[in-house]
Amino acid sequence: MPSIACTEPVPAPGDAVGPRDRARGALLGLAVGDALGAPAENMKPSEIRARWGRITGFVSDNPCGTDDTEYAIFSGLLLARHGSALTPAHAEGAWHQWIADRAEGPFRGAGFSERGTLENLRRGLAAPISAQHRHAWSDGLAMRAAPFGVFAAGRPAEAARLVAIDGSVSHDGEGIHGGRAVAAGVAAAMAGAPTTAVVAAALAVVPDDSWTARSLRRAVTAAPLGERAVRSAVVIGGYPWTDLAPEAVALAFGAYAAADGAFVQAVLTAVNMGRDADTTAAVAGALAGATQGESAIPAHWAAAIGPARGSCLPSMRGHHVLDVAELLVPGEDRKWVTAGPSAAPAPPAEGAPR
C-alpha cells in the first residue's frame, strides 16, 4: 500500500455508486460482518482452521447479529433523532430511556464497557463520569460508529465529532479514538474515496502518537502481506481480552486495506483472523460496504439479515439496519425520529423487499 498522508478524501473518478447504495451497504455490511464473525469470536486462527478450515460463509444454521448490530441500530436511531445537534445529554438520555431504565431483568449479551456504563448510570452518574470504568478503552464505541460516517458522508471530521459525543457516555481515551477512526473512515468511504484516503481520514482524527494510530499504521503497512502479517503486527500476545479498541480497529482496517476495499475479501479476512471477530468483521464490512455499496454484498448473505432480535437490547427488537440506513441517507430529506425506537419505520412483512 502506498504511504498514507492525512488528506481530505477524494472521490474515485467516474464513481457510479450513489449515496443511498453506500448507506445501505455500510450498515448492511456491518450486520453481515457481525453475523459472519460471531461464531469465531475470541478464537485463534488455528482454532478456526481446526473447526471449519477457512470460514467462507455462515457457519451457523441461524446467523444473526450480536450486540454490535443492535448497538449500531441504537446509535443510528439516536443520530436520526438529533442529527448534528446531538449533545452528551441527548446520548445519556437515550441510554436511560432505551437501556438503563427499562425493567427487563439483567443486562444481556454485551461487553464490559457497556456493563460498566450501565452500572454507573444506574448509580446516578452522568456523562462523562459514566464512562469512568475499567473498560473505557474497549471497541464498544467503534462497533457502533458506522452510522455517524453514513450521516456525515464526505465529512470525516464531523463524523468523528458526533461519534465522540455518543461515546462520552461509555468510553474514554483509546475507546473514543477507535470510534472516531471508524466513523471518519466510513464518512470518507461514503464519498467514494479510495482505500488509502479512507485510512488517511481515520488517522487524521486521532492523535498521531496514540495507541490507536500506531496500531492502525502497523496494520495497513502489513496489509499487502496478508492477514497473518496484519494479525502479527497488532495483536497483543498473551492478553486474554479481545475487545481492545486499538487492536480491533487496526485489525478491521488492516483487513479492509488487504482487500483494497473489496467487500467479501475484507470481511472474510477479518473473520479468519479471530480475536474479536464479530466486531472486526462488522467494522471491515461497514467500511467495504460504504466503499462498494449494497450491491457488493452477496445476496444470500444479505438475505440472512433480518430485523434485530433484541437478544442484547430488547428495545431494538424489530428494527432492521436497512431502515436505519434509510433514515441517515445523506443528501435526502431525512424524517427525523422524534419519540424513540418505536417512531422509526416498522419493519416490512417477512419476505417483503427492502
Protein backbone atom coordinates (compact mmCIF):
# COMPACT_ATOMS: atom_id res chain seq x y z
CA MET A 1 0.00 0.00 0.00
CA PRO A 2 1.31 3.49 -0.80
CA SER A 3 2.28 5.75 2.08
CA ILE A 4 -0.66 7.35 3.82
CA ALA A 5 -0.97 11.10 4.02
CA CYS A 6 -3.63 12.77 6.12
CA THR A 7 -5.58 14.34 3.29
CA GLU A 8 -9.23 15.01 2.66
CA PRO A 9 -10.98 12.12 0.87
CA VAL A 10 -11.15 12.43 -2.89
CA PRO A 11 -13.94 10.58 -4.75
CA ALA A 12 -12.80 7.96 -7.21
CA PRO A 13 -13.04 9.12 -10.83
CA GLY A 14 -16.19 8.01 -12.60
CA ASP A 15 -17.81 6.99 -9.31
CA ALA A 16 -21.20 5.47 -10.09
CA VAL A 17 -22.28 4.26 -6.65
CA GLY A 18 -24.96 6.52 -5.18
CA PRO A 19 -25.26 7.69 -1.56
CA ARG A 20 -28.27 5.50 -0.81
CA ASP A 21 -26.47 2.40 -2.08
CA ARG A 22 -23.44 3.28 0.03
CA ALA A 23 -25.53 3.97 3.14
CA ARG A 24 -27.33 0.67 2.83
CA GLY A 25 -24.06 -1.08 2.04
CA ALA A 26 -22.36 0.33 5.12
CA LEU A 27 -24.98 -0.73 7.66
CA LEU A 28 -25.94 -3.99 5.97
CA GLY A 29 -22.22 -4.72 5.64
CA LEU A 30 -21.81 -4.14 9.37
CA ALA A 31 -24.61 -6.58 10.19
CA VAL A 32 -23.34 -9.22 7.74
CA GLY A 33 -19.81 -8.97 9.11
CA ASP A 34 -21.12 -9.23 12.66
CA ALA A 35 -23.13 -12.36 11.87
CA LEU A 36 -20.27 -13.97 9.94
CA GLY A 37 -17.74 -13.26 12.67
CA ALA A 38 -19.81 -14.11 15.74
CA PRO A 39 -19.02 -17.87 15.79
CA ALA A 40 -15.28 -17.11 15.58
CA GLU A 41 -15.24 -14.52 18.36
CA ASN A 42 -12.38 -15.00 20.85
CA MET A 43 -10.83 -17.77 18.75
CA LYS A 44 -7.30 -18.09 17.38
CA PRO A 45 -6.77 -18.69 13.64
CA SER A 46 -5.50 -22.18 14.46
CA GLU A 47 -8.73 -22.92 16.32
CA ILE A 48 -10.79 -21.61 13.41
CA ARG A 49 -8.88 -23.81 10.98
CA ALA A 50 -9.24 -26.85 13.21
CA ARG A 51 -13.01 -26.42 13.40
CA TRP A 52 -14.02 -25.08 9.97
CA GLY A 53 -10.94 -24.98 7.76
CA ARG A 54 -11.29 -21.48 6.41
CA ILE A 55 -14.57 -19.65 7.04
CA THR A 56 -16.01 -18.64 3.68
CA GLY A 57 -19.62 -18.04 4.68
CA PHE A 58 -22.05 -18.51 7.54
CA VAL A 59 -21.14 -21.45 9.77
CA SER A 60 -24.26 -21.10 11.92
CA ASP A 61 -27.62 -22.53 10.92
CA ASN A 62 -29.35 -19.42 12.19
CA PRO A 63 -26.98 -16.47 11.67
CA CYS A 64 -27.79 -13.17 13.29
CA GLY A 65 -26.17 -10.03 14.56
CA THR A 66 -24.87 -9.60 18.08
CA ASP A 67 -24.56 -6.56 20.32
CA ASP A 68 -22.53 -4.93 17.52
CA THR A 69 -25.57 -4.72 15.25
CA GLU A 70 -28.03 -3.82 17.98
CA TYR A 71 -25.84 -1.03 19.35
CA ALA A 72 -25.29 0.31 15.81
CA ILE A 73 -29.08 0.47 15.45
CA PHE A 74 -29.27 2.21 18.83
CA SER A 75 -26.73 4.85 17.77
CA GLY A 76 -28.31 5.21 14.34
CA LEU A 77 -31.71 5.96 15.88
CA LEU A 78 -30.12 8.38 18.34
CA LEU A 79 -28.45 10.19 15.44
CA ALA A 80 -31.65 10.17 13.40
CA ARG A 81 -33.43 11.83 16.29
CA HIS A 82 -30.91 14.66 16.84
CA GLY A 83 -28.64 14.92 13.79
CA SER A 84 -25.77 17.40 14.06
CA ALA A 85 -27.39 18.93 17.16
CA LEU A 86 -26.54 15.81 19.19
CA THR A 87 -25.27 16.53 22.71
CA PRO A 88 -23.91 14.35 25.53
CA ALA A 89 -27.20 14.94 27.36
CA HIS A 90 -29.10 13.51 24.39
CA ALA A 91 -26.88 10.43 24.34
CA GLU A 92 -27.13 9.93 28.08
CA GLY A 93 -30.90 10.29 27.92
CA ALA A 94 -31.12 7.64 25.22
CA TRP A 95 -29.05 5.22 27.32
CA HIS A 96 -31.50 5.74 30.17
CA GLN A 97 -34.68 5.59 28.06
CA TRP A 98 -33.76 2.67 25.81
CA ILE A 99 -31.48 0.61 28.06
CA ALA A 100 -30.69 1.53 31.66
CA ASP A 101 -34.14 2.43 32.97
CA ARG A 102 -36.02 -0.46 31.39
CA ALA A 103 -37.24 -3.10 33.82
CA GLU A 104 -36.17 -6.08 31.73
CA GLY A 105 -34.00 -8.03 34.10
CA PRO A 106 -30.22 -8.30 33.96
CA PHE A 107 -28.37 -6.75 31.06
CA ARG A 108 -27.51 -9.38 28.46
CA GLY A 109 -25.11 -10.01 25.64
CA ALA A 110 -22.74 -7.04 25.58
CA GLY A 111 -19.21 -6.23 26.59
CA PHE A 112 -17.55 -4.95 29.73
CA SER A 113 -17.70 -1.30 28.67
CA GLU A 114 -21.47 -1.41 28.30
CA ARG A 115 -21.88 -3.19 31.63
CA GLY A 116 -19.65 -0.68 33.38
CA THR A 117 -21.55 2.20 31.79
CA LEU A 118 -24.91 0.85 32.88
CA GLU A 119 -23.71 0.29 36.41
CA ASN A 120 -22.56 3.91 36.58
CA LEU A 121 -25.74 5.30 35.01
CA ARG A 122 -27.91 3.30 37.39
CA ARG A 123 -25.88 4.73 40.28
CA GLY A 124 -26.83 8.21 39.10
CA LEU A 125 -23.52 9.16 37.47
CA ALA A 126 -23.71 11.40 34.41
CA ALA A 127 -21.53 11.66 31.31
CA PRO A 128 -18.57 11.82 31.09
CA ILE A 129 -18.19 10.34 34.59
CA SER A 130 -20.40 7.43 33.48
CA ALA A 131 -17.51 6.40 31.20
CA GLN A 132 -15.07 6.14 34.10
CA HIS A 133 -14.86 2.36 34.41
CA ARG A 134 -12.21 -0.28 33.79
CA HIS A 135 -13.03 -0.88 30.15
CA ALA A 136 -13.38 2.60 28.67
CA TRP A 137 -10.74 1.56 26.10
CA SER A 138 -12.92 -1.18 24.58
CA ASP A 139 -14.16 -1.42 20.98
CA GLY A 140 -17.76 -0.88 22.09
CA LEU A 141 -17.85 2.58 20.51
CA ALA A 142 -16.06 1.50 17.34
CA MET A 143 -18.66 -1.21 16.78
CA ARG A 144 -21.49 1.34 16.72
CA ALA A 145 -19.63 4.15 14.90
CA ALA A 146 -20.59 3.43 11.28
CA PRO A 147 -23.95 5.31 11.35
CA PHE A 148 -22.08 8.53 12.07
CA GLY A 149 -19.99 8.08 8.95
CA VAL A 150 -23.12 7.41 6.92
CA PHE A 151 -24.79 10.55 8.24
CA ALA A 152 -21.71 12.76 7.73
CA ALA A 153 -20.76 11.35 4.32
CA GLY A 154 -17.72 13.14 2.94
CA ARG A 155 -17.16 14.95 6.27
CA PRO A 156 -14.85 12.74 8.35
CA ALA A 157 -14.18 15.40 10.97
CA GLU A 158 -17.90 15.88 11.58
CA ALA A 159 -18.46 12.13 11.80
CA ALA A 160 -15.65 11.92 14.36
CA ARG A 161 -17.07 14.83 16.35
CA LEU A 162 -20.51 13.28 16.57
CA VAL A 163 -19.40 9.77 17.49
CA ALA A 164 -17.25 11.19 20.29
CA ILE A 165 -20.37 12.84 21.72
CA ASP A 166 -22.17 9.50 21.67
CA GLY A 167 -19.10 7.83 23.17
CA SER A 168 -18.79 10.33 26.03
CA VAL A 169 -21.36 8.28 27.95
CA SER A 170 -19.49 4.99 27.70
CA HIS A 171 -15.87 5.45 26.60
CA ASP A 172 -12.73 7.46 27.13
CA GLY A 173 -9.21 7.68 25.70
CA GLU A 174 -8.42 4.96 23.20
CA GLY A 175 -12.05 3.86 23.20
CA ILE A 176 -13.03 7.27 21.84
CA HIS A 177 -10.13 7.25 19.36
CA GLY A 178 -11.32 3.92 17.95
CA GLY A 179 -14.83 5.20 17.41
CA ARG A 180 -13.56 8.39 15.78
CA ALA A 181 -11.33 6.42 13.39
CA VAL A 182 -14.18 4.17 12.26
CA ALA A 183 -16.70 6.99 11.85
CA ALA A 184 -14.23 9.08 9.84
CA GLY A 185 -13.23 6.13 7.67
CA VAL A 186 -16.84 5.33 6.82
CA ALA A 187 -17.52 9.01 6.08
CA ALA A 188 -14.63 9.06 3.61
CA ALA A 189 -15.73 5.80 2.01
CA MET A 190 -19.26 7.19 1.66
CA ALA A 191 -17.79 9.93 -0.55
CA GLY A 192 -16.14 7.39 -2.86
CA ALA A 193 -12.62 7.87 -1.50
CA PRO A 194 -10.03 5.23 -2.45
CA THR A 195 -8.75 2.87 0.23
CA THR A 196 -5.64 4.88 1.06
CA ALA A 197 -7.71 8.03 1.58
CA VAL A 198 -10.18 6.16 3.79
CA VAL A 199 -7.30 5.08 6.02
CA ALA A 200 -5.86 8.61 5.94
CA ALA A 201 -9.20 10.05 7.05
CA ALA A 202 -9.23 7.69 10.03
CA LEU A 203 -5.68 8.63 11.02
CA ALA A 204 -6.40 12.34 10.66
CA VAL A 205 -8.95 12.35 13.52
CA VAL A 206 -6.89 10.56 16.19
CA PRO A 207 -3.72 11.72 17.94
CA ASP A 208 -0.66 10.76 15.93
CA ASP A 209 1.07 9.27 18.99
CA SER A 210 -1.98 7.34 20.23
CA TRP A 211 -2.04 3.57 20.55
CA THR A 212 -4.87 3.54 18.00
CA ALA A 213 -2.86 5.44 15.40
CA ARG A 214 0.26 3.35 15.91
CA SER A 215 -1.68 0.09 15.60
CA LEU A 216 -3.59 1.31 12.57
CA ARG A 217 -0.38 2.31 10.77
CA ARG A 218 1.22 -1.05 11.54
CA ALA A 219 -1.84 -2.90 10.26
CA VAL A 220 -2.11 -1.13 6.92
CA THR A 221 1.66 -1.34 6.39
CA ALA A 222 1.42 -5.11 6.85
CA ALA A 223 -1.75 -5.41 4.73
CA PRO A 224 -0.03 -6.26 1.42
CA LEU A 225 1.48 -9.33 3.12
CA GLY A 226 -1.93 -10.73 4.08
CA GLU A 227 -3.98 -11.47 7.16
CA ARG A 228 -1.30 -13.34 9.12
CA ALA A 229 1.02 -10.34 8.84
CA VAL A 230 -1.75 -7.94 9.83
CA ARG A 231 -2.60 -10.00 12.87
CA SER A 232 1.02 -10.33 13.94
CA ALA A 233 1.51 -6.57 13.60
CA VAL A 234 -1.17 -5.55 16.08
CA VAL A 235 -2.44 -8.39 18.31
CA ILE A 236 -1.41 -8.10 21.94
CA GLY A 237 0.03 -11.55 22.58
CA GLY A 238 -0.90 -13.16 25.88
CA TYR A 239 -3.59 -10.61 26.73
CA PRO A 240 -6.81 -12.53 27.48
CA TRP A 241 -9.39 -9.95 26.36
CA THR A 242 -10.02 -9.33 22.67
CA ASP A 243 -12.08 -6.15 22.80
CA LEU A 244 -9.19 -3.66 22.92
CA ALA A 245 -10.20 -0.79 20.64
CA PRO A 246 -6.69 -0.13 19.23
CA GLU A 247 -6.30 -3.79 18.34
CA ALA A 248 -9.79 -4.42 16.95
CA VAL A 249 -9.92 -1.20 14.91
CA ALA A 250 -6.47 -1.89 13.46
CA LEU A 251 -7.41 -5.46 12.52
CA ALA A 252 -10.55 -4.19 10.78
CA PHE A 253 -8.71 -1.51 8.80
CA GLY A 254 -5.95 -4.00 8.03
CA ALA A 255 -8.49 -6.44 6.59
CA TYR A 256 -10.10 -3.63 4.60
CA ALA A 257 -6.72 -2.46 3.27
CA ALA A 258 -5.58 -6.01 2.44
CA ALA A 259 -8.72 -6.41 0.34
CA ASP A 260 -8.35 -2.92 -1.19
CA GLY A 261 -11.95 -2.26 -0.17
CA ALA A 262 -13.47 -5.39 -1.74
CA PHE A 263 -16.36 -6.46 0.47
CA VAL A 264 -16.17 -10.26 0.53
CA GLN A 265 -12.41 -10.41 0.94
CA ALA A 266 -12.35 -7.69 3.61
CA VAL A 267 -14.99 -9.34 5.77
CA LEU A 268 -13.62 -12.87 5.46
CA THR A 269 -10.10 -11.69 6.20
CA ALA A 270 -11.35 -10.10 9.42
CA VAL A 271 -13.36 -13.20 10.39
CA ASN A 272 -10.47 -15.61 9.86
CA MET A 273 -8.08 -13.56 12.00
CA GLY A 274 -10.24 -14.39 15.02
CA ARG A 275 -9.90 -12.32 18.22
CA ASP A 276 -12.99 -10.04 18.49
CA ALA A 277 -14.09 -11.36 15.11
CA ASP A 278 -17.68 -10.12 15.17
CA THR A 279 -16.54 -6.54 15.78
CA THR A 280 -13.57 -6.57 13.41
CA ALA A 281 -15.69 -8.08 10.63
CA ALA A 282 -18.53 -5.64 11.37
CA VAL A 283 -16.19 -2.65 11.03
CA ALA A 284 -14.48 -4.06 7.94
CA GLY A 285 -17.94 -4.75 6.48
CA ALA A 286 -19.10 -1.20 7.17
CA LEU A 287 -16.00 0.27 5.50
CA ALA A 288 -16.19 -2.01 2.47
CA GLY A 289 -19.97 -1.69 2.22
CA ALA A 290 -19.66 2.10 2.13
CA THR A 291 -16.90 1.79 -0.46
CA GLN A 292 -18.64 -0.60 -2.83
CA GLY A 293 -22.31 -0.21 -1.99
CA GLU A 294 -25.04 -2.69 -1.15
CA SER A 295 -24.69 -4.50 -4.47
CA ALA A 296 -21.25 -5.80 -3.43
CA ILE A 297 -22.77 -7.85 -0.60
CA PRO A 298 -23.64 -11.39 -1.73
CA ALA A 299 -27.40 -11.74 -1.93
CA HIS A 300 -27.51 -14.89 0.20
CA TRP A 301 -25.56 -13.14 2.94
CA ALA A 302 -27.82 -10.10 2.82
CA ALA A 303 -30.96 -12.27 2.91
CA ALA A 304 -29.86 -13.81 6.20
CA ILE A 305 -30.02 -10.45 7.98
CA GLY A 306 -33.45 -9.86 9.44
CA PRO A 307 -34.78 -7.37 11.99
CA ALA A 308 -32.86 -7.24 15.26
CA ARG A 309 -33.93 -9.93 17.68
CA GLY A 310 -33.31 -7.85 20.80
CA SER A 311 -31.06 -10.53 22.27
CA CYS A 312 -28.84 -7.81 23.74
CA LEU A 313 -31.03 -4.70 23.64
CA PRO A 314 -34.72 -5.64 23.84
CA SER A 315 -35.67 -2.07 22.89
CA MET A 316 -34.06 -2.58 19.47
CA ARG A 317 -36.11 -5.67 18.66
CA GLY A 318 -37.80 -5.46 15.25
CA HIS A 319 -35.57 -2.74 13.79
CA HIS A 320 -33.59 -3.53 10.66
CA VAL A 321 -30.26 -1.94 9.80
CA LEU A 322 -31.62 -1.01 6.38
CA ASP A 323 -34.42 1.00 7.97
CA VAL A 324 -31.78 2.91 9.91
CA ALA A 325 -29.74 3.43 6.76
CA GLU A 326 -32.75 4.99 5.06
CA LEU A 327 -33.09 7.46 7.95
CA LEU A 328 -29.46 8.51 7.55
CA VAL A 329 -29.02 8.62 3.76
CA PRO A 330 -27.06 11.81 3.03
CA GLY A 331 -28.46 14.44 0.71
CA GLU A 332 -32.09 13.45 1.16
CA ASP A 333 -34.93 14.87 3.24
CA ARG A 334 -34.50 12.96 6.46
CA LYS A 335 -37.52 12.02 8.54
CA TRP A 336 -36.18 12.63 12.00
CA VAL A 337 -37.11 10.20 14.72
CA THR A 338 -38.88 12.19 17.44
CA ALA A 339 -40.13 9.72 20.02
CA GLY A 340 -37.75 6.78 20.33
CA PRO A 341 -37.17 3.45 18.61
CA SER A 342 -40.90 2.91 18.17
CA ALA A 343 -41.06 6.03 16.00
CA ALA A 344 -38.72 4.56 13.41
CA PRO A 345 -40.32 2.85 10.39
CA ALA A 346 -41.83 -0.50 11.20
CA PRO A 347 -40.03 -3.43 9.56
CA PRO A 348 -41.75 -4.71 6.42
CA ALA A 349 -43.53 -8.01 6.40
CA GLU A 350 -41.32 -11.07 6.16
CA GLY A 351 -40.16 -11.59 2.59
CA ALA A 352 -41.03 -8.05 1.51
CA PRO A 353 -38.34 -6.16 -0.41
CA ARG A 354 -36.27 -3.57 1.44
